Amino acid sequence: VTSALGSLSDLMTLVSKGSAIKRDNSTKDVLVGLSANKVTFRWKDNNIEHLVPFRRWLLNKYGSYELAWLNMTRHKEIKVELARRNLSQMLFRTKLAVDEQTKQAKETEAFAVEADQVMQKMLKLQQSNVTTPDGEAYSDFCSTMQSVKNQELIVHFEMMGWNG
């Protein structure tokens, strides 16, 4: 019980305001997760290792985190109105996060499609061995570059020698 209370004290220092340890992210360990459709990178939280004894005590005493939560909250009451409001806020924030991820995915896809189109035109230009600014491949590449909307892509190709 004493080690569990010590771990609980560690937990409180981790979550209390202003007690976070300031670190340079470049020196932290990185955790890599791999699933069928994505790779996830996250900073490793070294402070979480302090909670291992507390988490082990919870699992030994209650058998699962769900049962521990049930035991800790069984005498707590929440008004229906408050529960509705909190659930509504959680669902709204979740929707905003999903919308933002969808927007980012669409932007990434649009960037990739645009970059692919430019690369195809550039390859066609290189294969045609054009040394003068006349010819179908050159004008095709120029018109493609003029239709590019993504500023990062434009900067990238300008660094490669395209002067638009």
N, C-alpha and C. Protein backbone atom coordinates (compact mmCIF):
# COMPACT_ATOMS: atom_id res chain seq x y z
N VAL A 1 0.83 -1.19 0.00
CA VAL A 1 0.00 0.00 0.00
C VAL A 1 0.88 1.26 0.00
N THR A 2 1.99 1.22 0.74
CA THR A 2 2.87 2.39 0.79
C THR A 2 3.46 2.71 -0.57
N SER A 3 3.87 1.65 -1.32
CA SER A 3 4.42 1.91 -2.65
C SER A 3 3.34 2.42 -3.59
N ALA A 4 2.10 1.93 -3.41
CA ALA A 4 1.00 2.42 -4.25
C ALA A 4 0.73 3.89 -3.95
N LEU A 5 0.78 4.29 -2.67
CA LEU A 5 0.58 5.69 -2.31
C LEU A 5 1.71 6.56 -2.83
N GLY A 6 2.94 6.02 -2.78
CA GLY A 6 4.07 6.76 -3.35
C GLY A 6 3.90 6.95 -4.85
N SER A 7 3.40 5.92 -5.53
CA SER A 7 3.15 6.01 -6.96
C SER A 7 2.03 6.99 -7.25
N LEU A 8 1.02 6.99 -6.36
CA LEU A 8 -0.09 7.93 -6.53
C LEU A 8 0.43 9.36 -6.35
N SER A 9 1.37 9.56 -5.43
CA SER A 9 1.99 10.86 -5.25
C SER A 9 2.74 11.27 -6.51
N ASP A 10 3.47 10.32 -7.13
CA ASP A 10 4.15 10.58 -8.40
C ASP A 10 3.17 10.97 -9.47
N LEU A 11 2.03 10.28 -9.51
CA LEU A 11 0.98 10.59 -10.48
C LEU A 11 0.50 12.02 -10.30
N MET A 12 0.29 12.44 -9.08
CA MET A 12 -0.20 13.79 -8.81
C MET A 12 0.82 14.83 -9.26
N THR A 13 2.11 14.56 -9.08
CA THR A 13 3.10 15.54 -9.53
C THR A 13 3.17 15.59 -11.05
N LEU A 14 2.84 14.49 -11.71
CA LEU A 14 2.84 14.48 -13.18
C LEU A 14 1.71 15.33 -13.74
N VAL A 15 0.55 15.29 -13.08
CA VAL A 15 -0.61 15.97 -13.63
C VAL A 15 -0.89 17.32 -13.00
N SER A 16 -0.18 17.67 -11.92
CA SER A 16 -0.45 18.96 -11.29
C SER A 16 0.11 20.08 -12.16
N LYS A 17 -0.54 21.22 -12.10
CA LYS A 17 -0.20 22.37 -12.95
C LYS A 17 1.21 22.87 -12.65
N GLY A 18 1.97 23.09 -13.72
CA GLY A 18 3.28 23.68 -13.59
C GLY A 18 4.38 22.74 -13.17
N SER A 19 4.09 21.45 -13.03
CA SER A 19 5.13 20.54 -12.56
C SER A 19 5.77 19.76 -13.68
N ALA A 20 5.40 20.02 -14.91
CA ALA A 20 5.96 19.27 -16.02
C ALA A 20 7.44 19.58 -16.16
N ILE A 21 8.20 18.57 -16.45
CA ILE A 21 9.63 18.73 -16.65
C ILE A 21 9.85 19.25 -18.06
N LYS A 22 10.60 20.33 -18.18
CA LYS A 22 10.88 20.90 -19.50
C LYS A 22 12.04 20.11 -20.11
N ARG A 23 11.82 19.64 -21.35
CA ARG A 23 12.85 18.88 -22.03
C ARG A 23 12.93 19.30 -23.47
N ASP A 24 14.07 19.11 -24.03
CA ASP A 24 14.25 19.31 -25.45
C ASP A 24 13.79 18.03 -26.14
N ASN A 25 12.76 18.15 -27.03
CA ASN A 25 12.19 16.96 -27.67
C ASN A 25 13.20 16.21 -28.52
N SER A 26 14.27 16.86 -28.95
CA SER A 26 15.24 16.17 -29.79
C SER A 26 16.04 15.14 -29.00
N THR A 27 16.00 15.19 -27.67
CA THR A 27 16.75 14.24 -26.87
C THR A 27 15.88 13.13 -26.30
N LYS A 28 14.58 13.17 -26.58
CA LYS A 28 13.67 12.15 -26.02
C LYS A 28 13.63 10.93 -26.93
N ASP A 29 13.34 9.79 -26.34
CA ASP A 29 13.16 8.57 -27.10
C ASP A 29 11.86 8.63 -27.87
N VAL A 30 11.83 7.98 -29.01
CA VAL A 30 10.64 7.96 -29.85
C VAL A 30 10.08 6.55 -29.88
N LEU A 31 8.76 6.44 -29.70
CA LEU A 31 8.09 5.15 -29.81
C LEU A 31 7.47 5.06 -31.19
N VAL A 32 7.59 3.91 -31.82
CA VAL A 32 7.05 3.72 -33.16
C VAL A 32 5.99 2.63 -33.10
N GLY A 33 4.80 2.95 -33.61
CA GLY A 33 3.72 1.97 -33.67
C GLY A 33 3.44 1.65 -35.13
N LEU A 34 3.17 0.40 -35.43
CA LEU A 34 2.92 -0.02 -36.80
C LEU A 34 1.62 -0.81 -36.84
N SER A 35 0.72 -0.38 -37.74
CA SER A 35 -0.51 -1.13 -37.95
C SER A 35 -0.63 -1.39 -39.44
N ALA A 36 -1.72 -2.01 -39.84
CA ALA A 36 -1.88 -2.39 -41.24
C ALA A 36 -1.93 -1.18 -42.17
N ASN A 37 -2.40 -0.03 -41.67
CA ASN A 37 -2.56 1.10 -42.59
C ASN A 37 -1.77 2.35 -42.20
N LYS A 38 -0.98 2.31 -41.12
CA LYS A 38 -0.23 3.52 -40.77
C LYS A 38 0.94 3.20 -39.85
N VAL A 39 1.85 4.16 -39.79
CA VAL A 39 2.97 4.13 -38.85
C VAL A 39 2.79 5.34 -37.95
N THR A 40 2.89 5.15 -36.64
CA THR A 40 2.69 6.22 -35.69
C THR A 40 3.98 6.46 -34.92
N PHE A 41 4.37 7.73 -34.80
CA PHE A 41 5.53 8.11 -34.01
C PHE A 41 5.05 8.96 -32.84
N ARG A 42 5.53 8.66 -31.64
CA ARG A 42 5.19 9.44 -30.46
C ARG A 42 6.44 9.56 -29.58
N TRP A 43 6.50 10.69 -28.87
CA TRP A 43 7.58 10.84 -27.90
C TRP A 43 7.33 9.90 -26.74
N LYS A 44 8.36 9.26 -26.26
CA LYS A 44 8.23 8.39 -25.09
C LYS A 44 8.19 9.27 -23.85
N ASP A 45 7.22 9.01 -22.99
CA ASP A 45 7.10 9.75 -21.74
C ASP A 45 7.84 8.96 -20.66
N ASN A 46 9.04 9.42 -20.34
CA ASN A 46 9.85 8.70 -19.34
C ASN A 46 9.23 8.75 -17.96
N ASN A 47 8.40 9.75 -17.69
CA ASN A 47 7.77 9.87 -16.37
C ASN A 47 6.75 8.76 -16.13
N ILE A 48 6.22 8.17 -17.18
CA ILE A 48 5.19 7.15 -17.03
C ILE A 48 5.74 5.90 -16.33
N GLU A 49 7.04 5.70 -16.42
CA GLU A 49 7.64 4.53 -15.77
C GLU A 49 7.52 4.60 -14.25
N HIS A 50 7.36 5.81 -13.71
CA HIS A 50 7.17 5.95 -12.26
C HIS A 50 5.83 5.35 -11.83
N LEU A 51 4.89 5.26 -12.75
CA LEU A 51 3.55 4.79 -12.41
C LEU A 51 3.40 3.27 -12.50
N VAL A 52 4.43 2.57 -12.94
CA VAL A 52 4.34 1.12 -13.08
C VAL A 52 3.92 0.45 -11.77
N PRO A 53 4.52 0.77 -10.63
CA PRO A 53 4.09 0.11 -9.38
C PRO A 53 2.62 0.39 -9.05
N PHE A 54 2.19 1.63 -9.28
CA PHE A 54 0.79 1.97 -9.01
C PHE A 54 -0.14 1.20 -9.94
N ARG A 55 0.21 1.15 -11.23
CA ARG A 55 -0.64 0.41 -12.17
C ARG A 55 -0.66 -1.08 -11.82
N ARG A 56 0.48 -1.64 -11.40
CA ARG A 56 0.55 -3.05 -11.01
C ARG A 56 -0.33 -3.28 -9.77
N TRP A 57 -0.29 -2.35 -8.80
CA TRP A 57 -1.11 -2.46 -7.61
C TRP A 57 -2.60 -2.43 -7.98
N LEU A 58 -3.00 -1.51 -8.88
CA LEU A 58 -4.40 -1.45 -9.33
C LEU A 58 -4.84 -2.78 -9.94
N LEU A 59 -4.00 -3.32 -10.81
CA LEU A 59 -4.37 -4.57 -11.48
C LEU A 59 -4.40 -5.74 -10.49
N ASN A 60 -3.47 -5.78 -9.54
CA ASN A 60 -3.49 -6.85 -8.54
C ASN A 60 -4.71 -6.76 -7.64
N LYS A 61 -5.08 -5.55 -7.25
CA LYS A 61 -6.21 -5.36 -6.33
C LYS A 61 -7.56 -5.55 -7.01
N TYR A 62 -7.72 -5.00 -8.23
CA TYR A 62 -9.03 -4.99 -8.88
C TYR A 62 -9.14 -5.90 -10.10
N GLY A 63 -8.02 -6.35 -10.63
CA GLY A 63 -8.07 -7.27 -11.76
C GLY A 63 -8.06 -6.59 -13.12
N SER A 64 -8.58 -5.38 -13.22
CA SER A 64 -8.56 -4.64 -14.49
C SER A 64 -8.74 -3.15 -14.19
N TYR A 65 -8.39 -2.33 -15.16
CA TYR A 65 -8.57 -0.89 -14.98
C TYR A 65 -10.06 -0.54 -14.92
N GLU A 66 -10.88 -1.27 -15.66
CA GLU A 66 -12.32 -1.02 -15.66
C GLU A 66 -12.91 -1.26 -14.27
N LEU A 67 -12.52 -2.37 -13.63
CA LEU A 67 -13.02 -2.67 -12.28
C LEU A 67 -12.50 -1.66 -11.26
N ALA A 68 -11.26 -1.21 -11.43
CA ALA A 68 -10.71 -0.20 -10.53
C ALA A 68 -11.52 1.09 -10.67
N TRP A 69 -11.80 1.49 -11.91
CA TRP A 69 -12.59 2.70 -12.15
C TRP A 69 -13.99 2.56 -11.56
N LEU A 70 -14.59 1.39 -11.76
CA LEU A 70 -15.93 1.13 -11.22
C LEU A 70 -15.92 1.26 -9.70
N ASN A 71 -14.91 0.69 -9.06
CA ASN A 71 -14.81 0.74 -7.61
C ASN A 71 -14.60 2.17 -7.11
N MET A 72 -13.78 2.93 -7.81
CA MET A 72 -13.50 4.30 -7.38
C MET A 72 -14.68 5.24 -7.60
N THR A 73 -15.54 4.92 -8.54
CA THR A 73 -16.63 5.84 -8.90
C THR A 73 -18.01 5.30 -8.55
N ARG A 74 -18.11 4.18 -7.87
CA ARG A 74 -19.43 3.57 -7.63
C ARG A 74 -20.35 4.41 -6.76
N HIS A 75 -19.78 5.23 -5.89
CA HIS A 75 -20.61 6.07 -5.03
C HIS A 75 -20.74 7.50 -5.56
N LYS A 76 -20.21 7.74 -6.72
CA LYS A 76 -20.29 9.07 -7.31
C LYS A 76 -21.60 9.21 -8.08
N GLU A 77 -22.22 10.35 -7.94
CA GLU A 77 -23.44 10.62 -8.68
C GLU A 77 -23.17 11.77 -9.64
N ILE A 78 -23.80 11.71 -10.78
CA ILE A 78 -23.68 12.79 -11.74
C ILE A 78 -25.07 13.12 -12.24
N LYS A 79 -25.35 14.39 -12.32
CA LYS A 79 -26.67 14.80 -12.79
C LYS A 79 -26.77 14.56 -14.29
N VAL A 80 -27.97 14.19 -14.73
CA VAL A 80 -28.19 13.87 -16.13
C VAL A 80 -27.82 15.07 -17.01
N GLU A 81 -28.16 16.25 -16.57
CA GLU A 81 -27.87 17.46 -17.36
C GLU A 81 -26.36 17.62 -17.56
N LEU A 82 -25.60 17.43 -16.48
CA LEU A 82 -24.15 17.55 -16.57
C LEU A 82 -23.57 16.46 -17.47
N ALA A 83 -24.07 15.24 -17.33
CA ALA A 83 -23.60 14.14 -18.18
C ALA A 83 -23.88 14.43 -19.65
N ARG A 84 -25.09 14.94 -19.95
CA ARG A 84 -25.44 15.31 -21.34
C ARG A 84 -24.49 16.35 -21.89
N ARG A 85 -24.27 17.40 -21.08
CA ARG A 85 -23.41 18.50 -21.53
C ARG A 85 -21.98 18.00 -21.77
N ASN A 86 -21.45 17.20 -20.84
CA ASN A 86 -20.09 16.69 -20.99
C ASN A 86 -19.97 15.76 -22.20
N LEU A 87 -20.95 14.88 -22.37
CA LEU A 87 -20.92 13.97 -23.51
C LEU A 87 -21.03 14.76 -24.82
N SER A 88 -21.89 15.76 -24.83
CA SER A 88 -22.04 16.61 -26.01
C SER A 88 -20.73 17.29 -26.36
N GLN A 89 -20.04 17.82 -25.36
CA GLN A 89 -18.75 18.49 -25.59
C GLN A 89 -17.71 17.50 -26.10
N MET A 90 -17.66 16.30 -25.52
CA MET A 90 -16.69 15.29 -25.97
C MET A 90 -16.95 14.90 -27.42
N LEU A 91 -18.21 14.67 -27.76
CA LEU A 91 -18.54 14.30 -29.13
C LEU A 91 -18.24 15.43 -30.11
N PHE A 92 -18.52 16.67 -29.70
CA PHE A 92 -18.24 17.82 -30.56
C PHE A 92 -16.73 17.96 -30.81
N ARG A 93 -15.93 17.83 -29.73
CA ARG A 93 -14.47 17.92 -29.90
C ARG A 93 -13.96 16.78 -30.77
N THR A 94 -14.54 15.60 -30.62
CA THR A 94 -14.15 14.47 -31.46
C THR A 94 -14.46 14.75 -32.91
N LYS A 95 -15.65 15.31 -33.19
CA LYS A 95 -16.02 15.65 -34.56
C LYS A 95 -15.06 16.68 -35.15
N LEU A 96 -14.70 17.70 -34.35
CA LEU A 96 -13.75 18.70 -34.83
C LEU A 96 -12.40 18.06 -35.17
N ALA A 97 -11.94 17.15 -34.31
CA ALA A 97 -10.66 16.48 -34.55
C ALA A 97 -10.72 15.62 -35.81
N VAL A 98 -11.82 14.89 -36.00
CA VAL A 98 -11.98 14.07 -37.20
C VAL A 98 -12.03 14.94 -38.44
N ASP A 99 -12.76 16.06 -38.37
CA ASP A 99 -12.84 16.98 -39.50
C ASP A 99 -11.46 17.54 -39.85
N GLU A 100 -10.67 17.88 -38.84
CA GLU A 100 -9.33 18.42 -39.08
C GLU A 100 -8.43 17.36 -39.72
N GLN A 101 -8.51 16.12 -39.23
CA GLN A 101 -7.71 15.05 -39.82
C GLN A 101 -8.13 14.78 -41.26
N THR A 102 -9.42 14.84 -41.53
CA THR A 102 -9.92 14.64 -42.89
C THR A 102 -9.41 15.75 -43.81
N LYS A 103 -9.44 16.99 -43.30
CA LYS A 103 -8.94 18.12 -44.09
C LYS A 103 -7.45 17.95 -44.39
N GLN A 104 -6.67 17.57 -43.39
CA GLN A 104 -5.24 17.37 -43.59
C GLN A 104 -4.97 16.23 -44.58
N ALA A 105 -5.76 15.17 -44.49
CA ALA A 105 -5.58 14.05 -45.42
C ALA A 105 -5.89 14.48 -46.85
N LYS A 106 -6.93 15.28 -47.03
CA LYS A 106 -7.27 15.77 -48.37
C LYS A 106 -6.18 16.68 -48.92
N GLU A 107 -5.65 17.54 -48.06
CA GLU A 107 -4.57 18.43 -48.49
C GLU A 107 -3.33 17.63 -48.88
N THR A 108 -3.02 16.61 -48.09
CA THR A 108 -1.87 15.77 -48.39
C THR A 108 -2.07 15.03 -49.70
N GLU A 109 -3.28 14.51 -49.90
CA GLU A 109 -3.59 13.81 -51.14
C GLU A 109 -3.51 14.75 -52.34
N ALA A 110 -4.06 15.96 -52.20
CA ALA A 110 -4.01 16.94 -53.29
C ALA A 110 -2.57 17.30 -53.61
N PHE A 111 -1.74 17.47 -52.59
CA PHE A 111 -0.32 17.77 -52.79
C PHE A 111 0.35 16.63 -53.55
N ALA A 112 0.07 15.40 -53.14
CA ALA A 112 0.68 14.24 -53.79
C ALA A 112 0.25 14.12 -55.25
N VAL A 113 -1.02 14.35 -55.53
CA VAL A 113 -1.52 14.28 -56.91
C VAL A 113 -0.86 15.36 -57.76
N GLU A 114 -0.80 16.57 -57.20
CA GLU A 114 -0.19 17.68 -57.93
C GLU A 114 1.30 17.42 -58.18
N ALA A 115 1.99 16.94 -57.17
CA ALA A 115 3.41 16.63 -57.31
C ALA A 115 3.62 15.53 -58.34
N ASP A 116 2.76 14.54 -58.34
CA ASP A 116 2.87 13.45 -59.31
C ASP A 116 2.67 13.96 -60.73
N GLN A 117 1.69 14.85 -60.91
CA GLN A 117 1.46 15.41 -62.25
C GLN A 117 2.68 16.18 -62.73
N VAL A 118 3.24 16.99 -61.86
CA VAL A 118 4.42 17.77 -62.23
C VAL A 118 5.59 16.85 -62.55
N MET A 119 5.78 15.82 -61.72
CA MET A 119 6.88 14.89 -61.96
C MET A 119 6.72 14.15 -63.29
N GLN A 120 5.49 13.76 -63.61
CA GLN A 120 5.24 13.09 -64.89
C GLN A 120 5.60 14.01 -66.06
N LYS A 121 5.21 15.27 -65.96
CA LYS A 121 5.54 16.24 -67.02
C LYS A 121 7.04 16.48 -67.08
N MET A 122 7.69 16.52 -65.92
CA MET A 122 9.13 16.73 -65.89
C MET A 122 9.86 15.54 -66.52
N LEU A 123 9.42 14.33 -66.22
CA LEU A 123 10.02 13.15 -66.83
C LEU A 123 9.83 13.16 -68.34
N LYS A 124 8.65 13.53 -68.77
CA LYS A 124 8.37 13.62 -70.20
C LYS A 124 9.29 14.65 -70.85
N LEU A 125 9.50 15.77 -70.16
CA LEU A 125 10.38 16.82 -70.65
C LEU A 125 11.82 16.30 -70.74
N GLN A 126 12.27 15.59 -69.70
CA GLN A 126 13.63 15.05 -69.70
C GLN A 126 13.82 14.01 -70.80
N GLN A 127 12.81 13.17 -71.00
CA GLN A 127 12.91 12.12 -72.02
C GLN A 127 12.91 12.68 -73.43
N SER A 128 12.32 13.86 -73.62
CA SER A 128 12.27 14.44 -74.96
C SER A 128 13.58 15.14 -75.32
N ASN A 129 14.51 15.28 -74.36
CA ASN A 129 15.82 15.90 -74.58
C ASN A 129 15.70 17.28 -75.21
N VAL A 130 14.75 18.07 -74.74
CA VAL A 130 14.54 19.41 -75.27
C VAL A 130 15.61 20.33 -74.69
N THR A 131 16.28 21.06 -75.55
CA THR A 131 17.29 22.01 -75.08
C THR A 131 16.86 23.44 -75.30
N THR A 132 15.77 23.64 -76.02
CA THR A 132 15.25 25.00 -76.27
C THR A 132 13.83 25.07 -75.72
N PRO A 133 13.37 26.30 -75.45
CA PRO A 133 12.03 26.42 -74.87
C PRO A 133 10.89 26.28 -75.87
N ASP A 134 11.09 25.61 -76.97
CA ASP A 134 9.97 25.34 -77.86
C ASP A 134 9.78 23.84 -77.92
N GLY A 135 8.64 23.42 -78.19
CA GLY A 135 8.32 22.01 -78.22
C GLY A 135 7.16 21.70 -77.30
N GLU A 136 6.48 20.63 -77.63
CA GLU A 136 5.25 20.28 -76.90
C GLU A 136 5.52 19.93 -75.44
N ALA A 137 6.59 19.15 -75.19
CA ALA A 137 6.89 18.71 -73.83
C ALA A 137 7.19 19.91 -72.93
N TYR A 138 7.93 20.89 -73.47
CA TYR A 138 8.29 22.07 -72.68
C TYR A 138 7.06 22.91 -72.36
N SER A 139 6.24 23.17 -73.38
CA SER A 139 5.04 23.99 -73.14
C SER A 139 4.05 23.26 -72.24
N ASP A 140 3.98 21.92 -72.35
CA ASP A 140 3.12 21.12 -71.49
C ASP A 140 3.59 21.23 -70.03
N PHE A 141 4.91 21.16 -69.83
CA PHE A 141 5.47 21.28 -68.48
C PHE A 141 5.21 22.68 -67.93
N CYS A 142 5.43 23.72 -68.74
CA CYS A 142 5.21 25.10 -68.30
C CYS A 142 3.76 25.33 -67.90
N SER A 143 2.83 24.84 -68.70
CA SER A 143 1.42 25.04 -68.36
C SER A 143 1.05 24.28 -67.09
N THR A 144 1.65 23.12 -66.89
CA THR A 144 1.40 22.36 -65.65
C THR A 144 1.94 23.14 -64.45
N MET A 145 3.15 23.67 -64.56
CA MET A 145 3.74 24.43 -63.46
C MET A 145 2.94 25.68 -63.15
N GLN A 146 2.37 26.31 -64.16
CA GLN A 146 1.58 27.52 -63.92
C GLN A 146 0.26 27.21 -63.23
N SER A 147 -0.22 25.96 -63.35
CA SER A 147 -1.48 25.59 -62.71
C SER A 147 -1.29 25.07 -61.28
N VAL A 148 -0.02 24.91 -60.87
CA VAL A 148 0.26 24.42 -59.51
C VAL A 148 -0.21 25.44 -58.49
N LYS A 149 -0.96 24.97 -57.51
CA LYS A 149 -1.51 25.85 -56.48
C LYS A 149 -0.75 25.76 -55.15
N ASN A 150 -0.09 24.63 -54.92
CA ASN A 150 0.57 24.42 -53.64
C ASN A 150 1.91 25.16 -53.60
N GLN A 151 2.04 26.11 -52.67
CA GLN A 151 3.24 26.94 -52.59
C GLN A 151 4.48 26.11 -52.25
N GLU A 152 4.35 25.09 -51.40
CA GLU A 152 5.49 24.24 -51.04
C GLU A 152 6.04 23.54 -52.27
N LEU A 153 5.14 23.08 -53.13
CA LEU A 153 5.55 22.40 -54.35
C LEU A 153 6.28 23.36 -55.29
N ILE A 154 5.76 24.58 -55.39
CA ILE A 154 6.40 25.59 -56.24
C ILE A 154 7.81 25.88 -55.74
N VAL A 155 7.96 26.07 -54.42
CA VAL A 155 9.27 26.34 -53.83
C VAL A 155 10.21 25.17 -54.09
N HIS A 156 9.71 23.95 -53.96
CA HIS A 156 10.52 22.76 -54.20
C HIS A 156 11.06 22.74 -55.63
N PHE A 157 10.21 23.00 -56.60
CA PHE A 157 10.65 22.97 -57.99
C PHE A 157 11.51 24.19 -58.35
N GLU A 158 11.31 25.30 -57.68
CA GLU A 158 12.19 26.45 -57.89
C GLU A 158 13.59 26.12 -57.39
N MET A 159 13.68 25.38 -56.27
CA MET A 159 14.98 24.96 -55.77
C MET A 159 15.66 23.99 -56.74
N MET A 160 14.87 23.28 -57.52
CA MET A 160 15.42 22.34 -58.50
C MET A 160 15.79 23.04 -59.81
N GLY A 161 15.52 24.35 -59.89
CA GLY A 161 15.94 25.07 -61.08
C GLY A 161 14.82 25.66 -61.91
N TRP A 162 13.58 25.37 -61.58
CA TRP A 162 12.46 25.94 -62.33
C TRP A 162 12.28 27.39 -61.93
N ASN A 163 12.23 28.30 -62.91
CA ASN A 163 12.11 29.71 -62.57
C ASN A 163 10.77 30.30 -63.00
N GLY A 164 9.82 29.44 -63.38
CA GLY A 164 8.45 29.81 -63.68
C GLY A 164 8.32 30.94 -64.63
